[in-house]
Amino acid sequence: MNRDTIVRMREGIALISGAICGLLTARLVLKTLAARPDSLAVIWLYNLSNPLVAPLSILDREQPRFGAILELSTLAMLLILISLTALSWVWLGRIAQR
């Protein structure tokens, strides 16, 4: 692979991962602060981020349905995404050094 292509891939991965992390962080803050679920912005954000946290929703089964909660599925998905991004960043960096 061309070195410039790898650099662009690394930047693209960082950009996409950063956007998704921002979305998940906003969701985590809104859930923790018990944002009004009837607000259009909150509904839009929850609907946009639901597919990302749905695979880990079993972690939240003991959580209350309403009020301020620490959504563990969102927190776990953030940690997974950050870890995968860091691993891909290092892996692509090693490919670029060859």
N, C-alpha and C. Protein backbone atom coordinates (compact mmCIF):
# COMPACT_ATOMS: atom_id res chain seq x y z
N MET A 1 0.83 -1.19 0.00
CA MET A 1 0.00 0.00 0.00
C MET A 1 0.87 1.24 0.00
N ASN A 2 0.35 2.26 -0.62
CA ASN A 2 1.03 3.54 -0.67
C ASN A 2 0.98 4.21 0.70
N ARG A 3 2.06 4.88 1.07
CA ARG A 3 2.12 5.53 2.38
C ARG A 3 1.04 6.61 2.53
N ASP A 4 0.78 7.38 1.46
CA ASP A 4 -0.25 8.42 1.52
C ASP A 4 -1.63 7.83 1.72
N THR A 5 -1.87 6.68 1.12
CA THR A 5 -3.16 6.00 1.30
C THR A 5 -3.35 5.57 2.74
N ILE A 6 -2.30 5.07 3.34
CA ILE A 6 -2.39 4.63 4.74
C ILE A 6 -2.62 5.82 5.66
N VAL A 7 -1.96 6.93 5.37
CA VAL A 7 -2.16 8.14 6.19
C VAL A 7 -3.61 8.61 6.07
N ARG A 8 -4.17 8.59 4.86
CA ARG A 8 -5.57 8.99 4.67
C ARG A 8 -6.51 8.03 5.38
N MET A 9 -6.18 6.74 5.34
CA MET A 9 -7.02 5.76 6.05
C MET A 9 -7.00 6.01 7.54
N ARG A 10 -5.83 6.29 8.09
CA ARG A 10 -5.73 6.57 9.52
C ARG A 10 -6.53 7.81 9.90
N GLU A 11 -6.44 8.84 9.07
CA GLU A 11 -7.19 10.07 9.35
C GLU A 11 -8.69 9.83 9.23
N GLY A 12 -9.10 9.05 8.25
CA GLY A 12 -10.52 8.73 8.08
C GLY A 12 -11.07 7.94 9.24
N ILE A 13 -10.30 6.95 9.69
CA ILE A 13 -10.73 6.15 10.84
C ILE A 13 -10.84 7.02 12.08
N ALA A 14 -9.88 7.91 12.28
CA ALA A 14 -9.92 8.80 13.45
C ALA A 14 -11.11 9.75 13.37
N LEU A 15 -11.42 10.25 12.18
CA LEU A 15 -12.54 11.17 12.02
C LEU A 15 -13.88 10.48 12.28
N ILE A 16 -14.07 9.31 11.69
CA ILE A 16 -15.32 8.57 11.88
C ILE A 16 -15.48 8.13 13.32
N SER A 17 -14.40 7.61 13.89
CA SER A 17 -14.46 7.16 15.29
C SER A 17 -14.72 8.34 16.23
N GLY A 18 -14.11 9.47 15.95
CA GLY A 18 -14.34 10.65 16.78
C GLY A 18 -15.77 11.13 16.73
N ALA A 19 -16.37 11.08 15.54
CA ALA A 19 -17.77 11.49 15.40
C ALA A 19 -18.69 10.54 16.16
N ILE A 20 -18.43 9.24 16.05
CA ILE A 20 -19.26 8.26 16.76
C ILE A 20 -19.06 8.38 18.27
N CYS A 21 -17.83 8.59 18.70
CA CYS A 21 -17.57 8.78 20.14
C CYS A 21 -18.27 10.03 20.66
N GLY A 22 -18.28 11.09 19.88
CA GLY A 22 -18.99 12.30 20.28
C GLY A 22 -20.48 12.05 20.42
N LEU A 23 -21.04 11.31 19.49
CA LEU A 23 -22.46 10.96 19.54
C LEU A 23 -22.77 10.13 20.79
N LEU A 24 -21.93 9.13 21.05
CA LEU A 24 -22.15 8.28 22.23
C LEU A 24 -21.93 9.04 23.53
N THR A 25 -20.97 9.96 23.54
CA THR A 25 -20.73 10.76 24.74
C THR A 25 -21.92 11.67 25.02
N ALA A 26 -22.47 12.27 23.97
CA ALA A 26 -23.66 13.11 24.14
C ALA A 26 -24.82 12.28 24.68
N ARG A 27 -24.99 11.06 24.17
CA ARG A 27 -26.05 10.18 24.67
C ARG A 27 -25.83 9.86 26.14
N LEU A 28 -24.59 9.55 26.51
CA LEU A 28 -24.28 9.21 27.90
C LEU A 28 -24.57 10.38 28.83
N VAL A 29 -24.21 11.58 28.42
CA VAL A 29 -24.46 12.77 29.24
C VAL A 29 -25.96 13.02 29.37
N LEU A 30 -26.69 12.91 28.27
CA LEU A 30 -28.13 13.14 28.32
C LEU A 30 -28.84 12.11 29.20
N LYS A 31 -28.42 10.86 29.12
CA LYS A 31 -29.03 9.82 29.98
C LYS A 31 -28.67 10.07 31.45
N THR A 32 -27.44 10.47 31.71
CA THR A 32 -27.01 10.70 33.09
C THR A 32 -27.72 11.90 33.70
N LEU A 33 -28.00 12.91 32.90
CA LEU A 33 -28.66 14.11 33.40
C LEU A 33 -30.18 14.06 33.26
N ALA A 34 -30.71 12.91 32.84
CA ALA A 34 -32.16 12.70 32.71
C ALA A 34 -32.80 13.75 31.82
N ALA A 35 -32.29 13.85 30.59
CA ALA A 35 -32.85 14.80 29.63
C ALA A 35 -34.29 14.43 29.31
N ARG A 36 -35.08 15.43 28.99
CA ARG A 36 -36.50 15.20 28.68
C ARG A 36 -36.62 14.36 27.41
N PRO A 37 -37.23 13.20 27.50
CA PRO A 37 -37.32 12.32 26.33
C PRO A 37 -38.32 12.80 25.28
N ASP A 38 -39.06 13.86 25.54
CA ASP A 38 -40.00 14.36 24.54
C ASP A 38 -39.42 15.53 23.73
N SER A 39 -38.20 15.91 24.00
CA SER A 39 -37.53 16.94 23.23
C SER A 39 -37.10 16.37 21.87
N LEU A 40 -37.30 17.13 20.81
CA LEU A 40 -36.97 16.64 19.47
C LEU A 40 -35.49 16.34 19.30
N ALA A 41 -34.62 17.17 19.87
CA ALA A 41 -33.19 16.94 19.75
C ALA A 41 -32.77 15.67 20.48
N VAL A 42 -33.36 15.44 21.63
CA VAL A 42 -33.04 14.24 22.41
C VAL A 42 -33.55 12.99 21.70
N ILE A 43 -34.76 13.07 21.16
CA ILE A 43 -35.33 11.94 20.41
C ILE A 43 -34.45 11.63 19.20
N TRP A 44 -34.03 12.66 18.48
CA TRP A 44 -33.18 12.47 17.31
C TRP A 44 -31.86 11.81 17.69
N LEU A 45 -31.23 12.29 18.78
CA LEU A 45 -29.95 11.73 19.21
C LEU A 45 -30.10 10.28 19.66
N TYR A 46 -31.14 9.98 20.41
CA TYR A 46 -31.36 8.60 20.86
C TYR A 46 -31.64 7.68 19.68
N ASN A 47 -32.45 8.13 18.72
CA ASN A 47 -32.74 7.29 17.56
C ASN A 47 -31.50 7.07 16.70
N LEU A 48 -30.63 8.06 16.62
CA LEU A 48 -29.41 7.93 15.84
C LEU A 48 -28.41 6.98 16.51
N SER A 49 -28.37 6.99 17.83
CA SER A 49 -27.37 6.18 18.54
C SER A 49 -27.90 4.84 19.02
N ASN A 50 -29.20 4.59 18.93
CA ASN A 50 -29.74 3.31 19.37
C ASN A 50 -29.12 2.09 18.68
N PRO A 51 -28.90 2.11 17.35
CA PRO A 51 -28.30 0.92 16.72
C PRO A 51 -26.88 0.63 17.22
N LEU A 52 -26.19 1.63 17.72
CA LEU A 52 -24.83 1.42 18.20
C LEU A 52 -24.81 0.72 19.57
N VAL A 53 -25.78 1.04 20.41
CA VAL A 53 -25.77 0.48 21.76
C VAL A 53 -26.70 -0.72 21.92
N ALA A 54 -27.51 -1.00 20.91
CA ALA A 54 -28.46 -2.12 21.01
C ALA A 54 -27.80 -3.47 21.25
N PRO A 55 -26.65 -3.78 20.64
CA PRO A 55 -26.05 -5.09 20.90
C PRO A 55 -25.65 -5.33 22.36
N LEU A 56 -25.43 -4.26 23.10
CA LEU A 56 -25.02 -4.38 24.50
C LEU A 56 -26.13 -3.98 25.47
N SER A 57 -27.35 -3.94 25.00
CA SER A 57 -28.46 -3.48 25.85
C SER A 57 -28.73 -4.40 27.03
N ILE A 58 -28.23 -5.62 27.00
CA ILE A 58 -28.43 -6.52 28.13
C ILE A 58 -27.73 -6.00 29.39
N LEU A 59 -26.74 -5.16 29.21
CA LEU A 59 -26.05 -4.58 30.37
C LEU A 59 -26.94 -3.63 31.16
N ASP A 60 -27.97 -3.11 30.50
CA ASP A 60 -28.85 -2.12 31.14
C ASP A 60 -30.16 -2.72 31.61
N ARG A 61 -30.26 -3.99 31.68
CA ARG A 61 -31.53 -4.63 32.02
C ARG A 61 -31.97 -4.31 33.44
N GLU A 62 -31.07 -4.07 34.35
CA GLU A 62 -31.42 -3.76 35.74
C GLU A 62 -31.60 -2.26 35.99
N GLN A 63 -31.36 -1.44 34.97
CA GLN A 63 -31.47 0.01 35.12
C GLN A 63 -32.94 0.43 35.14
N PRO A 64 -33.26 1.52 35.84
CA PRO A 64 -34.63 2.04 35.77
C PRO A 64 -34.93 2.57 34.37
N ARG A 65 -36.18 2.55 33.99
CA ARG A 65 -36.56 2.98 32.63
C ARG A 65 -36.58 4.49 32.49
N PHE A 66 -36.83 5.20 33.58
CA PHE A 66 -36.93 6.65 33.51
C PHE A 66 -36.05 7.28 34.57
N GLY A 67 -35.70 8.53 34.38
CA GLY A 67 -34.86 9.24 35.33
C GLY A 67 -33.39 9.17 34.94
N ALA A 68 -32.56 9.64 35.83
CA ALA A 68 -31.12 9.67 35.58
C ALA A 68 -30.53 8.27 35.74
N ILE A 69 -29.85 7.80 34.71
CA ILE A 69 -29.22 6.49 34.77
C ILE A 69 -27.83 6.57 34.16
N LEU A 70 -26.97 5.68 34.57
CA LEU A 70 -25.68 5.51 33.93
C LEU A 70 -25.83 4.32 32.99
N GLU A 71 -25.96 4.61 31.71
CA GLU A 71 -26.21 3.57 30.73
C GLU A 71 -24.91 2.82 30.44
N LEU A 72 -24.81 1.62 30.97
CA LEU A 72 -23.58 0.84 30.86
C LEU A 72 -23.31 0.39 29.43
N SER A 73 -24.36 0.18 28.65
CA SER A 73 -24.15 -0.23 27.26
C SER A 73 -23.44 0.87 26.46
N THR A 74 -23.79 2.11 26.71
CA THR A 74 -23.14 3.22 26.01
C THR A 74 -21.70 3.36 26.47
N LEU A 75 -21.47 3.23 27.75
CA LEU A 75 -20.11 3.32 28.28
C LEU A 75 -19.23 2.20 27.73
N ALA A 76 -19.76 0.99 27.69
CA ALA A 76 -19.00 -0.15 27.15
C ALA A 76 -18.72 0.04 25.66
N MET A 77 -19.70 0.54 24.91
CA MET A 77 -19.48 0.76 23.48
C MET A 77 -18.43 1.84 23.24
N LEU A 78 -18.40 2.86 24.08
CA LEU A 78 -17.36 3.87 23.97
C LEU A 78 -15.98 3.26 24.18
N LEU A 79 -15.83 2.44 25.20
CA LEU A 79 -14.54 1.81 25.47
C LEU A 79 -14.13 0.86 24.35
N ILE A 80 -15.08 0.12 23.81
CA ILE A 80 -14.78 -0.80 22.70
C ILE A 80 -14.35 -0.01 21.47
N LEU A 81 -15.07 1.06 21.16
CA LEU A 81 -14.75 1.86 19.99
C LEU A 81 -13.38 2.52 20.11
N ILE A 82 -13.08 3.04 21.26
CA ILE A 82 -11.78 3.68 21.47
C ILE A 82 -10.67 2.65 21.35
N SER A 83 -10.87 1.46 21.89
CA SER A 83 -9.86 0.40 21.81
C SER A 83 -9.64 -0.06 20.36
N LEU A 84 -10.72 -0.27 19.63
CA LEU A 84 -10.59 -0.68 18.23
C LEU A 84 -9.93 0.39 17.38
N THR A 85 -10.24 1.63 17.65
CA THR A 85 -9.61 2.72 16.91
C THR A 85 -8.12 2.78 17.19
N ALA A 86 -7.74 2.64 18.44
CA ALA A 86 -6.32 2.66 18.79
C ALA A 86 -5.57 1.49 18.17
N LEU A 87 -6.18 0.31 18.19
CA LEU A 87 -5.53 -0.86 17.58
C LEU A 87 -5.37 -0.69 16.08
N SER A 88 -6.39 -0.19 15.40
CA SER A 88 -6.27 0.00 13.96
C SER A 88 -5.27 1.10 13.63
N TRP A 89 -5.21 2.12 14.46
CA TRP A 89 -4.25 3.21 14.26
C TRP A 89 -2.81 2.68 14.34
N VAL A 90 -2.54 1.86 15.37
CA VAL A 90 -1.20 1.29 15.54
C VAL A 90 -0.88 0.32 14.40
N TRP A 91 -1.84 -0.51 14.05
CA TRP A 91 -1.64 -1.50 12.98
C TRP A 91 -1.33 -0.82 11.65
N LEU A 92 -2.10 0.21 11.30
CA LEU A 92 -1.83 0.93 10.05
C LEU A 92 -0.51 1.69 10.11
N GLY A 93 -0.14 2.16 11.30
CA GLY A 93 1.15 2.83 11.45
C GLY A 93 2.31 1.88 11.21
N ARG A 94 2.17 0.64 11.65
CA ARG A 94 3.23 -0.34 11.42
C ARG A 94 3.32 -0.74 9.95
N ILE A 95 2.18 -0.78 9.28
CA ILE A 95 2.19 -1.07 7.85
C ILE A 95 2.88 0.05 7.09
N ALA A 96 2.65 1.29 7.51
CA ALA A 96 3.24 2.44 6.84
C ALA A 96 4.74 2.49 7.01
N GLN A 97 5.29 1.93 8.08
CA GLN A 97 6.72 1.96 8.33
C GLN A 97 7.49 0.96 7.47
N ARG A 98 6.80 -0.01 6.93
CA ARG A 98 7.48 -1.04 6.12
C ARG A 98 7.98 -0.51 4.82
